[in-house]
Amino acid sequence: MKSLFKLPLFFLCLAAGIGLLLRWHQYDAIEGLVFPYWLHAHSHLMFLGWLFNAITLGFVTCFIPEPSQKSYYRLLILLNVLVVGMFFTFPLQGYGRYSIIISFSHTLIALIFGWQFFRDTRERKTELPVRFARWAFVFFLLSSLAPVAIGVLSANGQGQSQLYYLAVYFFLHFQYNGAFTFGALALFYHLLASKAIPIDEKSAQRFVTVFWTTCVPAYVLSALWIQPGWVWNAVGLLIALAQFIGFWFFWRSIRAAWIDRANYFSLPAQVVLGVVFLSFLLKLLLQFLSAFPPVALLAYEVRYFVIAYLHLVMVGFLSFLFLVWYQEYHRVRILTTFTTSSLIGSFVVSEMLMLLNPTGFGGELLSLLLLVFSALLFLTFCRIAWLFTRATG
């Protein structure tokens, strides 16, 4: 089972490579490249090949007894084969017949996986990490409704309609705010327990309760750009404030462990975790600001702001947290001084450049710099994947 952990890192590198290709296309157009098709490939590999793959593998090895893990093996292989299928079909046809069939098949296998996981963890459902893990699958189930709508709308020529974008944001919300966030936190709290790192259990249980109860209504924050009226903005504001309370419970649950972090984590891992927690807090702050109409409209109209926000969540928060988990759980050294510096530096500079891009400042030079630092991030991911492969054989 543990040999499969190389696959998510492979898909991370592949997704980052496609992201670099798209950056190159924006700097110097590549003839024949259909940007939306490759963008779909990039997002599906990042979401399903990297994050969801790492979550499902982590759940099996952390929460399922070894004798029972064999029943998940075929499902995991099928999921990976289908992700490979997405890599070949999305760049060729976007949301076409074959990519939709493959995506639907992946969702179906993932739901079978989730049903089996629920069945096998029903005796442990009150344990903190397992609570997070089970909620991750609930929100994945919700998110799986969106691709069906996206495919139907695309096939009927409504690929740029308001409904289409609402479906896209529905998918994104329940993937990264639901399935991926809860999945990452499940593995994080399990890691703390496996290292015998003390936490405030009561605060942690309150944290998961606040976050699962606010996750569904928090979709409102992703739809305020349609300007539904001040009542919905007020609802969004209250939900955003509630999630700040949830973060306070999260911080209380790990505060003692963070104070003594030098006893449990290497210096590079501490630095990366610091970026993870700051990214998490900044994510919540931006959600709060999006409850105000001018900010919601600006986020919708300026694509680079949306991309910067998505990268903040997908890279700075989730991917960095998974990389720490990869190192600490497998007891390998992938976050060296060099990879950590390169990882954080390329990420932070890329975020700043994306925020500057809409201003027109720097012109072509800014686009070139964005390409350069995207290349550095890609190469760093490849270096980390190579270090992990070398260490684990």
Protein backbone atom coordinates (compact mmCIF):
# COMPACT_ATOMS: atom_id res chain seq x y z
CA MET A 1 0.00 0.00 0.00
CA LYS A 2 2.75 2.46 0.93
CA SER A 3 4.33 2.14 -2.52
CA LEU A 4 1.26 3.94 -3.91
CA PHE A 5 2.20 7.14 -2.06
CA LYS A 6 4.56 8.02 -4.92
CA LEU A 7 1.57 8.46 -7.25
CA PRO A 8 0.06 11.61 -5.66
CA LEU A 9 3.48 13.29 -5.83
CA PHE A 10 3.77 12.27 -9.50
CA PHE A 11 0.40 13.88 -10.23
CA LEU A 12 1.42 16.98 -8.24
CA CYS A 13 4.44 17.38 -10.53
CA LEU A 14 2.30 16.73 -13.61
CA ALA A 15 -0.31 19.30 -12.50
CA ALA A 16 2.42 21.85 -11.76
CA GLY A 17 3.95 21.12 -15.16
CA ILE A 18 0.64 21.84 -16.90
CA GLY A 19 0.33 25.01 -14.81
CA LEU A 20 3.76 26.05 -16.09
CA LEU A 21 2.66 25.31 -19.65
CA LEU A 22 -0.36 27.58 -19.18
CA ARG A 23 1.89 30.33 -17.81
CA TRP A 24 4.09 29.95 -20.89
CA HIS A 25 1.02 30.19 -23.13
CA GLN A 26 0.01 33.44 -21.43
CA TYR A 27 3.51 34.84 -21.91
CA ASP A 28 4.02 33.60 -25.49
CA ALA A 29 0.95 31.96 -27.06
CA ILE A 30 1.43 28.31 -28.05
CA GLU A 31 -0.27 27.57 -31.35
CA GLY A 32 -2.97 24.90 -31.09
CA LEU A 33 -3.18 24.95 -27.29
CA VAL A 34 -6.80 25.35 -26.13
CA PHE A 35 -6.39 27.12 -22.78
CA PRO A 36 -9.72 26.06 -21.14
CA TYR A 37 -9.10 22.38 -22.00
CA TRP A 38 -5.65 22.35 -20.43
CA LEU A 39 -6.93 24.34 -17.46
CA HIS A 40 -9.48 21.56 -16.81
CA ALA A 41 -6.64 19.03 -16.98
CA HIS A 42 -4.55 21.10 -14.55
CA SER A 43 -7.34 21.45 -11.99
CA HIS A 44 -8.44 17.79 -12.17
CA LEU A 45 -4.90 16.50 -11.72
CA MET A 46 -4.32 18.88 -8.82
CA PHE A 47 -7.61 18.11 -7.12
CA LEU A 48 -8.03 14.39 -7.82
CA GLY A 49 -4.53 13.22 -8.73
CA TRP A 50 -2.70 15.01 -5.90
CA LEU A 51 -4.97 16.08 -3.04
CA PHE A 52 -7.78 13.50 -3.18
CA ASN A 53 -5.27 10.75 -3.93
CA ALA A 54 -3.12 11.68 -0.91
CA ILE A 55 -6.24 11.87 1.29
CA THR A 56 -7.61 8.44 0.30
CA LEU A 57 -4.22 6.76 0.69
CA GLY A 58 -3.70 8.50 4.02
CA PHE A 59 -7.14 7.47 5.27
CA VAL A 60 -6.52 3.81 4.45
CA THR A 61 -3.09 3.64 6.09
CA CYS A 62 -4.06 5.74 9.13
CA PHE A 63 -7.61 4.60 9.93
CA ILE A 64 -8.05 1.12 8.46
CA PRO A 65 -6.41 -1.91 10.16
CA GLU A 66 -3.77 -3.51 7.95
CA PRO A 67 -5.66 -6.80 7.35
CA SER A 68 -8.61 -4.80 5.96
CA GLN A 69 -6.56 -2.51 3.73
CA LYS A 70 -6.37 -5.00 0.84
CA SER A 71 -10.04 -4.42 0.00
CA TYR A 72 -9.20 -0.78 -0.81
CA TYR A 73 -6.25 -1.54 -3.06
CA ARG A 74 -8.21 -2.19 -6.26
CA LEU A 75 -10.31 0.92 -5.70
CA LEU A 76 -7.19 3.03 -5.31
CA ILE A 77 -5.65 1.58 -8.48
CA LEU A 78 -8.88 2.27 -10.40
CA LEU A 79 -8.96 5.86 -9.14
CA ASN A 80 -5.40 6.43 -10.34
CA VAL A 81 -6.05 4.86 -13.75
CA LEU A 82 -9.04 7.16 -14.19
CA VAL A 83 -6.94 10.22 -13.29
CA VAL A 84 -4.51 9.19 -16.03
CA GLY A 85 -7.53 9.05 -18.35
CA MET A 86 -8.39 12.63 -17.39
CA PHE A 87 -4.86 13.71 -18.26
CA PHE A 88 -5.31 12.41 -21.81
CA THR A 89 -8.93 13.43 -22.44
CA PHE A 90 -9.31 16.91 -20.95
CA PRO A 91 -6.54 18.55 -23.04
CA LEU A 92 -8.12 17.07 -26.19
CA GLN A 93 -11.80 17.83 -25.65
CA GLY A 94 -12.37 19.70 -22.37
CA TYR A 95 -15.71 18.57 -20.97
CA GLY A 96 -16.46 16.16 -23.82
CA ARG A 97 -17.97 12.70 -24.01
CA TYR A 98 -14.96 10.71 -22.88
CA SER A 99 -13.73 13.11 -20.18
CA ILE A 100 -17.25 13.24 -18.69
CA ILE A 101 -17.49 9.42 -18.68
CA ILE A 102 -14.08 9.15 -16.99
CA SER A 103 -14.91 11.88 -14.44
CA PHE A 104 -18.25 10.26 -13.63
CA SER A 105 -16.54 6.86 -13.24
CA HIS A 106 -13.97 8.40 -10.86
CA THR A 107 -16.76 9.94 -8.78
CA LEU A 108 -18.60 6.60 -8.66
CA ILE A 109 -15.49 4.70 -7.50
CA ALA A 110 -14.73 7.44 -4.96
CA LEU A 111 -18.25 7.14 -3.53
CA ILE A 112 -17.86 3.36 -3.26
CA PHE A 113 -14.58 4.00 -1.46
CA GLY A 114 -16.34 6.47 0.87
CA TRP A 115 -19.18 4.04 1.62
CA GLN A 116 -16.68 1.31 2.50
CA PHE A 117 -14.67 3.73 4.64
CA PHE A 118 -17.83 4.80 6.54
CA ARG A 119 -18.68 1.16 7.16
CA ASP A 120 -15.18 0.30 8.41
CA THR A 121 -14.90 3.32 10.73
CA ARG A 122 -18.37 3.28 12.28
CA GLU A 123 -16.96 2.03 15.61
CA ARG A 124 -14.51 4.96 15.72
CA LYS A 125 -16.75 7.77 14.47
CA THR A 126 -16.37 9.85 17.66
CA GLU A 127 -12.57 9.96 17.41
CA LEU A 128 -11.42 13.43 16.33
CA PRO A 129 -9.38 12.51 13.21
CA VAL A 130 -12.06 10.05 12.07
CA ARG A 131 -14.77 12.72 12.48
CA PHE A 132 -12.81 14.97 10.13
CA ALA A 133 -12.26 12.10 7.69
CA ARG A 134 -15.93 11.12 7.54
CA TRP A 135 -17.02 14.72 6.97
CA ALA A 136 -14.46 14.95 4.16
CA PHE A 137 -16.37 12.24 2.27
CA VAL A 138 -19.73 13.87 2.97
CA PHE A 139 -18.53 17.07 1.33
CA PHE A 140 -16.91 15.16 -1.53
CA LEU A 141 -20.33 13.61 -2.18
CA LEU A 142 -21.87 17.08 -2.30
CA SER A 143 -19.17 18.39 -4.64
CA SER A 144 -19.75 15.46 -7.02
CA LEU A 145 -23.11 16.95 -7.99
CA ALA A 146 -21.41 19.89 -9.72
CA PRO A 147 -19.47 18.13 -12.53
CA VAL A 148 -22.74 16.63 -13.77
CA ALA A 149 -24.24 20.13 -14.04
CA ILE A 150 -21.03 21.53 -15.57
CA GLY A 151 -20.97 18.79 -18.21
CA VAL A 152 -24.65 19.27 -19.12
CA LEU A 153 -24.31 23.06 -19.32
CA SER A 154 -21.13 22.82 -21.42
CA ALA A 155 -22.72 20.32 -23.80
CA ASN A 156 -25.70 22.65 -24.28
CA GLY A 157 -23.65 25.72 -25.15
CA GLN A 158 -23.97 27.40 -21.74
CA GLY A 159 -20.29 27.20 -20.86
CA GLN A 160 -20.11 30.92 -20.06
CA SER A 161 -23.50 31.30 -18.38
CA GLN A 162 -24.13 32.40 -14.80
CA LEU A 163 -25.41 28.92 -13.94
CA TYR A 164 -22.19 27.40 -15.29
CA TYR A 165 -20.01 29.54 -13.02
CA LEU A 166 -22.26 28.91 -10.03
CA ALA A 167 -21.78 25.17 -10.64
CA VAL A 168 -18.00 25.65 -10.93
CA TYR A 169 -17.88 27.57 -7.64
CA PHE A 170 -20.11 24.91 -6.02
CA PHE A 171 -17.58 22.27 -7.05
CA LEU A 172 -14.60 24.33 -5.88
CA HIS A 173 -16.19 25.23 -2.55
CA PHE A 174 -17.09 21.71 -1.47
CA GLN A 175 -13.78 20.36 -2.74
CA TYR A 176 -11.30 22.74 -1.12
CA ASN A 177 -13.38 24.10 1.78
CA GLY A 178 -15.01 20.73 2.40
CA ALA A 179 -13.37 17.48 1.29
CA PHE A 180 -9.76 18.66 1.10
CA THR A 181 -9.73 20.86 4.21
CA PHE A 182 -11.40 18.21 6.36
CA GLY A 183 -9.24 15.48 4.85
CA ALA A 184 -6.02 17.39 5.48
CA LEU A 185 -7.02 18.20 9.05
CA ALA A 186 -7.93 14.54 9.68
CA LEU A 187 -4.42 13.49 8.72
CA PHE A 188 -2.86 16.41 10.63
CA TYR A 189 -4.61 15.54 13.91
CA HIS A 190 -3.77 11.86 13.37
CA LEU A 191 -0.12 12.84 12.90
CA LEU A 192 -0.16 14.76 16.18
CA ALA A 193 -1.65 11.73 17.96
CA SER A 194 0.90 9.35 16.40
CA LYS A 195 3.72 11.57 17.69
CA ALA A 196 2.07 11.72 21.15
CA ILE A 197 1.81 15.50 20.79
CA PRO A 198 -0.74 16.81 23.33
CA ILE A 199 -3.73 18.81 22.08
CA ASP A 200 -6.78 20.39 23.69
CA GLU A 201 -9.33 17.74 22.71
CA LYS A 202 -12.38 19.78 23.74
CA SER A 203 -11.33 22.76 21.60
CA ALA A 204 -10.55 20.47 18.66
CA GLN A 205 -14.00 18.84 18.86
CA ARG A 206 -15.60 22.30 18.93
CA PHE A 207 -13.50 23.27 15.93
CA VAL A 208 -14.76 20.38 13.80
CA THR A 209 -18.34 21.05 14.88
CA VAL A 210 -18.19 24.74 13.92
CA PHE A 211 -16.59 23.98 10.58
CA TRP A 212 -18.94 21.22 9.46
CA THR A 213 -22.02 23.21 10.45
CA THR A 214 -20.83 26.27 8.50
CA CYS A 215 -19.44 24.52 5.42
CA VAL A 216 -22.73 24.18 3.51
CA PRO A 217 -24.05 27.72 4.16
CA ALA A 218 -20.56 29.11 3.42
CA TYR A 219 -21.26 28.40 -0.26
CA VAL A 220 -23.16 31.70 -0.14
CA LEU A 221 -19.77 33.45 -0.01
CA SER A 222 -18.88 31.91 -3.39
CA ALA A 223 -22.09 33.19 -4.99
CA LEU A 224 -22.28 36.81 -3.80
CA TRP A 225 -20.88 38.04 -7.14
CA ILE A 226 -24.40 37.56 -8.62
CA GLN A 227 -25.49 40.36 -6.23
CA PRO A 228 -28.44 38.54 -4.61
CA GLY A 229 -29.15 41.34 -2.12
CA TRP A 230 -27.89 42.63 1.22
CA VAL A 231 -29.62 39.86 3.21
CA TRP A 232 -27.37 37.23 1.60
CA ASN A 233 -24.32 39.41 2.18
CA ALA A 234 -25.28 39.62 5.85
CA VAL A 235 -25.66 35.82 5.99
CA GLY A 236 -22.24 35.44 4.38
CA LEU A 237 -20.73 37.85 6.89
CA LEU A 238 -22.14 35.88 9.85
CA ILE A 239 -20.85 32.61 8.42
CA ALA A 240 -17.39 34.10 7.88
CA LEU A 241 -17.35 35.33 11.49
CA ALA A 242 -18.43 31.89 12.70
CA GLN A 243 -15.49 30.34 10.86
CA PHE A 244 -13.14 32.77 12.62
CA ILE A 245 -14.50 31.38 15.89
CA GLY A 246 -13.77 27.90 14.51
CA PHE A 247 -10.19 28.93 13.77
CA TRP A 248 -9.84 30.21 17.34
CA PHE A 249 -10.85 26.74 18.58
CA PHE A 250 -8.33 25.23 16.15
CA TRP A 251 -5.56 27.44 17.50
CA ARG A 252 -6.50 26.65 21.10
CA SER A 253 -6.37 22.93 20.31
CA ILE A 254 -2.76 23.09 19.03
CA ARG A 255 -1.35 26.11 20.90
CA ALA A 256 0.62 24.09 23.46
CA ALA A 257 1.99 21.83 20.71
CA TRP A 258 3.03 24.88 18.65
CA ILE A 259 4.90 26.39 21.59
CA ASP A 260 6.90 23.15 21.92
CA ARG A 261 7.13 22.54 18.16
CA ALA A 262 10.93 22.33 18.21
CA ASN A 263 10.61 19.09 20.19
CA TYR A 264 8.48 17.46 17.49
CA PHE A 265 9.34 18.94 14.08
CA SER A 266 12.47 19.86 12.14
CA LEU A 267 13.10 23.56 11.50
CA PRO A 268 12.05 23.39 7.82
CA ALA A 269 8.82 21.58 8.79
CA GLN A 270 8.13 24.25 11.44
CA VAL A 271 8.56 27.01 8.84
CA VAL A 272 6.26 25.29 6.35
CA LEU A 273 3.64 24.71 9.07
CA GLY A 274 3.86 28.41 9.91
CA VAL A 275 3.04 29.23 6.27
CA VAL A 276 0.17 26.70 6.40
CA PHE A 277 -1.43 28.33 9.45
CA LEU A 278 -0.96 31.84 8.04
CA SER A 279 -2.49 30.75 4.73
CA PHE A 280 -5.43 29.21 6.59
CA LEU A 281 -6.02 32.43 8.53
CA LEU A 282 -5.62 34.60 5.41
CA LYS A 283 -8.11 32.37 3.59
CA LEU A 284 -10.68 33.04 6.32
CA LEU A 285 -9.93 36.78 6.24
CA LEU A 286 -10.47 36.91 2.47
CA GLN A 287 -13.75 34.99 2.86
CA PHE A 288 -14.84 37.60 5.41
CA LEU A 289 -13.97 40.46 3.05
CA SER A 290 -15.83 38.76 0.19
CA ALA A 291 -19.08 39.25 2.14
CA PHE A 292 -18.88 42.95 1.18
CA PRO A 293 -20.43 43.59 -2.29
CA PRO A 294 -17.55 45.59 -3.85
CA VAL A 295 -15.02 42.91 -2.88
CA ALA A 296 -17.26 40.07 -4.11
CA LEU A 297 -17.71 41.79 -7.47
CA LEU A 298 -13.99 42.58 -7.77
CA ALA A 299 -13.07 38.94 -7.06
CA TYR A 300 -15.44 37.82 -9.81
CA GLU A 301 -14.34 40.35 -12.42
CA VAL A 302 -10.55 40.13 -11.91
CA ARG A 303 -9.53 36.56 -12.77
CA TYR A 304 -6.01 36.89 -11.35
CA PHE A 305 -7.42 37.63 -7.88
CA VAL A 306 -9.43 34.41 -8.01
CA ILE A 307 -6.38 32.45 -9.20
CA ALA A 308 -4.22 33.94 -6.44
CA TYR A 309 -6.86 32.98 -3.86
CA LEU A 310 -7.14 29.43 -5.20
CA HIS A 311 -3.36 29.02 -5.13
CA LEU A 312 -3.27 30.38 -1.58
CA VAL A 313 -5.66 27.62 -0.51
CA MET A 314 -4.53 24.77 -2.77
CA VAL A 315 -0.78 25.37 -2.42
CA GLY A 316 -0.04 27.50 0.65
CA PHE A 317 -2.57 25.81 2.91
CA LEU A 318 -3.40 22.32 1.62
CA SER A 319 -0.37 21.22 -0.42
CA PHE A 320 2.15 22.52 2.11
CA LEU A 321 0.26 20.74 4.91
CA PHE A 322 0.28 17.48 2.95
CA LEU A 323 4.01 17.81 2.28
CA VAL A 324 4.67 18.18 6.02
CA TRP A 325 2.47 15.12 6.61
CA TYR A 326 4.35 13.18 3.92
CA GLN A 327 7.67 13.91 5.62
CA GLU A 328 6.61 13.31 9.21
CA TYR A 329 4.34 10.30 8.68
CA HIS A 330 6.77 8.45 6.40
CA ARG A 331 9.81 9.66 8.36
CA VAL A 332 11.69 10.85 5.30
CA ARG A 333 13.54 14.11 4.74
CA ILE A 334 11.92 15.93 1.82
CA LEU A 335 11.70 19.39 3.38
CA THR A 336 15.36 20.34 3.37
CA THR A 337 16.62 23.89 3.84
CA PHE A 338 16.90 24.21 0.06
CA THR A 339 13.49 22.77 -0.90
CA THR A 340 11.75 24.71 1.88
CA SER A 341 13.32 28.02 0.85
CA SER A 342 12.58 27.39 -2.82
CA LEU A 343 9.03 26.21 -2.07
CA ILE A 344 8.05 29.18 0.08
CA GLY A 345 9.97 31.76 -1.95
CA SER A 346 8.48 30.74 -5.31
CA PHE A 347 4.99 30.51 -3.80
CA VAL A 348 5.07 33.91 -2.08
CA VAL A 349 6.59 35.74 -5.05
CA SER A 350 4.11 34.10 -7.46
CA GLU A 351 1.20 35.21 -5.27
CA MET A 352 2.50 38.78 -5.21
CA LEU A 353 3.01 38.83 -8.98
CA MET A 354 -0.53 37.53 -9.59
CA LEU A 355 -1.93 40.31 -7.42
CA LEU A 356 0.14 42.89 -9.32
CA ASN A 357 -0.75 41.56 -12.78
CA PRO A 358 -4.19 43.26 -13.11
CA THR A 359 -2.62 46.67 -12.36
CA GLY A 360 -0.56 46.53 -15.54
CA PHE A 361 2.58 47.27 -13.54
CA GLY A 362 5.69 45.77 -15.11
CA GLY A 363 3.92 44.69 -18.29
CA GLU A 364 5.66 41.87 -20.13
CA LEU A 365 8.44 41.71 -17.53
CA LEU A 366 5.93 40.80 -14.83
CA SER A 367 4.54 37.97 -16.99
CA LEU A 368 8.08 36.70 -17.54
CA LEU A 369 8.81 36.78 -13.81
CA LEU A 370 5.59 34.91 -13.11
CA LEU A 371 6.70 32.26 -15.61
CA VAL A 372 10.15 32.01 -13.98
CA PHE A 373 8.83 31.58 -10.44
CA SER A 374 6.18 29.11 -11.64
CA ALA A 375 9.04 27.10 -13.16
CA LEU A 376 10.91 27.25 -9.85
CA LEU A 377 7.84 25.97 -7.96
CA PHE A 378 7.45 23.14 -10.51
CA LEU A 379 11.11 22.13 -10.18
CA THR A 380 10.86 22.20 -6.39
CA PHE A 381 7.87 19.86 -6.44
CA CYS A 382 9.86 17.55 -8.72
CA ARG A 383 12.83 17.67 -6.33
CA ILE A 384 10.58 16.79 -3.38
CA ALA A 385 9.01 13.89 -5.31
CA TRP A 386 12.48 12.61 -6.22
CA LEU A 387 13.68 12.84 -2.60
CA PHE A 388 10.62 10.90 -1.43
CA THR A 389 11.05 8.22 -4.11
CA ARG A 390 14.75 7.82 -3.30
CA ALA A 391 14.08 7.56 0.44
CA THR A 392 11.25 5.04 0.18
CA GLY A 393 12.71 2.87 -2.60
